[in-house]
Amino acid sequence: MARYRVTFRPADKTMEPKTVEVDDKDFPYGDHGKPGSLLDIALHNGIRLDHNCGGNCACTTCHVIVRQGEENLSPMEPDEEDRLDTATGLTLHSRLGCQAIVQGDVVVDIVE
């Protein structure tokens, strides 16, 4: 069991980033995305992260860009990689919030 800091930087740059501390013993928080995923953490902490498919890796609305701590997320699985190929604004540091499980400190940008 470990505690991590996750920072979400909103697409609306007039809003301040929000950093939350999480403890992996508390996962899952809800039922959207994989337990302990960026989406699970965001929703539990009142952070808006769109998720039209309910966190089932069937869309790209929870697309985020990892700015720090990419090594602290679960490895990308083939279904996430295939789905990301359809995302607008795809980068080498893109992940789906519903699939990326937090395993250490992370900073992500929420994509509009």
Protein backbone atom coordinates (compact mmCIF):
# COMPACT_ATOMS: atom_id res chain seq x y z
CA MET A 1 0.00 0.00 0.00
CA ALA A 2 1.30 3.38 -1.00
CA ARG A 3 0.29 7.01 -1.22
CA TYR A 4 0.66 8.98 -4.45
CA ARG A 5 0.11 12.55 -5.63
CA VAL A 6 -1.85 12.98 -8.85
CA THR A 7 -2.08 16.41 -10.47
CA PHE A 8 -4.77 17.12 -13.05
CA ARG A 9 -4.20 20.22 -15.20
CA PRO A 10 -7.50 21.29 -16.79
CA ALA A 11 -7.87 22.05 -20.48
CA ASP A 12 -9.25 25.46 -19.44
CA LYS A 13 -6.00 27.21 -18.57
CA THR A 14 -7.87 29.86 -16.55
CA MET A 15 -8.53 27.13 -13.96
CA GLU A 16 -5.91 26.03 -11.46
CA PRO A 17 -4.46 22.51 -11.53
CA LYS A 18 -5.75 20.22 -8.81
CA THR A 19 -3.47 17.84 -6.93
CA VAL A 20 -4.95 15.00 -4.91
CA GLU A 21 -3.31 12.44 -2.67
CA VAL A 22 -4.47 8.86 -3.12
CA ASP A 23 -3.80 5.65 -1.26
CA ASP A 24 -3.90 2.52 -3.40
CA LYS A 25 -5.52 0.55 -0.55
CA ASP A 26 -8.69 2.61 -1.22
CA PHE A 27 -8.99 1.58 -4.90
CA PRO A 28 -11.42 1.31 -6.58
CA TYR A 29 -13.26 4.49 -5.72
CA GLY A 30 -16.11 3.96 -8.17
CA ASP A 31 -17.12 1.92 -11.15
CA HIS A 32 -15.74 3.93 -14.07
CA GLY A 33 -12.49 2.78 -15.60
CA LYS A 34 -10.03 0.34 -14.15
CA PRO A 35 -9.65 0.46 -10.35
CA GLY A 36 -7.07 3.09 -9.48
CA SER A 37 -7.11 4.58 -12.98
CA LEU A 38 -6.77 8.29 -13.61
CA LEU A 39 -10.51 8.35 -14.39
CA ASP A 40 -11.39 6.54 -11.14
CA ILE A 41 -9.28 9.04 -9.17
CA ALA A 42 -10.56 12.11 -11.01
CA LEU A 43 -14.23 11.27 -10.55
CA HIS A 44 -13.77 10.41 -6.87
CA ASN A 45 -12.21 13.82 -6.31
CA GLY A 46 -14.77 15.87 -8.24
CA ILE A 47 -12.47 16.52 -11.19
CA ARG A 48 -14.20 16.63 -14.56
CA LEU A 49 -12.79 14.05 -16.94
CA ASP A 50 -15.22 13.17 -19.71
CA HIS A 51 -15.93 9.48 -20.21
CA ASN A 52 -18.71 8.89 -22.71
CA CYS A 53 -18.30 5.11 -22.73
CA GLY A 54 -18.34 4.77 -18.94
CA GLY A 55 -14.63 4.00 -18.76
CA ASN A 56 -14.69 0.87 -20.90
CA CYS A 57 -11.95 1.76 -23.43
CA ALA A 58 -14.57 2.24 -26.14
CA CYS A 59 -13.98 5.95 -26.87
CA THR A 60 -11.28 8.59 -26.37
CA THR A 61 -13.09 11.23 -24.32
CA CYS A 62 -10.92 10.54 -21.24
CA HIS A 63 -7.73 11.19 -23.26
CA VAL A 64 -5.00 12.82 -21.15
CA ILE A 65 -1.41 13.82 -21.84
CA VAL A 66 1.12 12.72 -19.25
CA ARG A 67 3.51 15.55 -18.38
CA GLN A 68 5.38 13.90 -15.51
CA GLY A 69 5.53 10.42 -14.06
CA GLU A 70 4.75 8.38 -17.15
CA GLU A 71 6.75 5.53 -15.62
CA ASN A 72 4.31 5.60 -12.67
CA LEU A 73 1.37 4.43 -14.77
CA SER A 74 0.49 0.88 -15.73
CA PRO A 75 1.85 -0.23 -19.11
CA MET A 76 -0.35 0.49 -22.10
CA GLU A 77 -2.25 -2.55 -23.32
CA PRO A 78 -2.98 -3.19 -27.02
CA ASP A 79 -6.68 -2.26 -26.81
CA GLU A 80 -5.82 1.15 -25.31
CA GLU A 81 -3.15 1.71 -27.96
CA ASP A 82 -5.60 0.85 -30.74
CA ARG A 83 -8.27 3.15 -29.31
CA LEU A 84 -5.82 6.03 -28.85
CA ASP A 85 -5.02 5.92 -32.57
CA THR A 86 -8.41 7.59 -33.11
CA ALA A 87 -7.88 10.38 -30.52
CA THR A 88 -7.71 14.02 -31.53
CA GLY A 89 -4.46 15.66 -30.46
CA LEU A 90 -2.62 12.38 -29.99
CA THR A 91 0.94 12.70 -28.65
CA LEU A 92 3.69 10.28 -27.67
CA HIS A 93 2.58 10.86 -24.06
CA SER A 94 -1.16 10.28 -24.55
CA ARG A 95 -3.09 7.83 -22.39
CA LEU A 96 -6.72 6.98 -21.79
CA GLY A 97 -7.64 7.99 -18.26
CA CYS A 98 -9.85 4.92 -17.86
CA GLN A 99 -6.97 2.52 -18.57
CA ALA A 100 -3.92 4.18 -16.98
CA ILE A 101 -3.60 2.86 -13.41
CA VAL A 102 -1.66 5.11 -11.04
CA GLN A 103 1.38 3.50 -9.40
CA GLY A 104 3.26 6.63 -8.32
CA ASP A 105 3.20 10.43 -8.60
CA VAL A 106 1.80 11.70 -11.91
CA VAL A 107 0.96 15.03 -13.61
CA VAL A 108 -1.50 14.97 -16.52
CA ASP A 109 -3.16 17.50 -18.80
CA ILE A 110 -6.85 16.93 -19.43
CA VAL A 111 -7.52 17.21 -23.16
CA GLU A 112 -10.54 19.23 -24.33
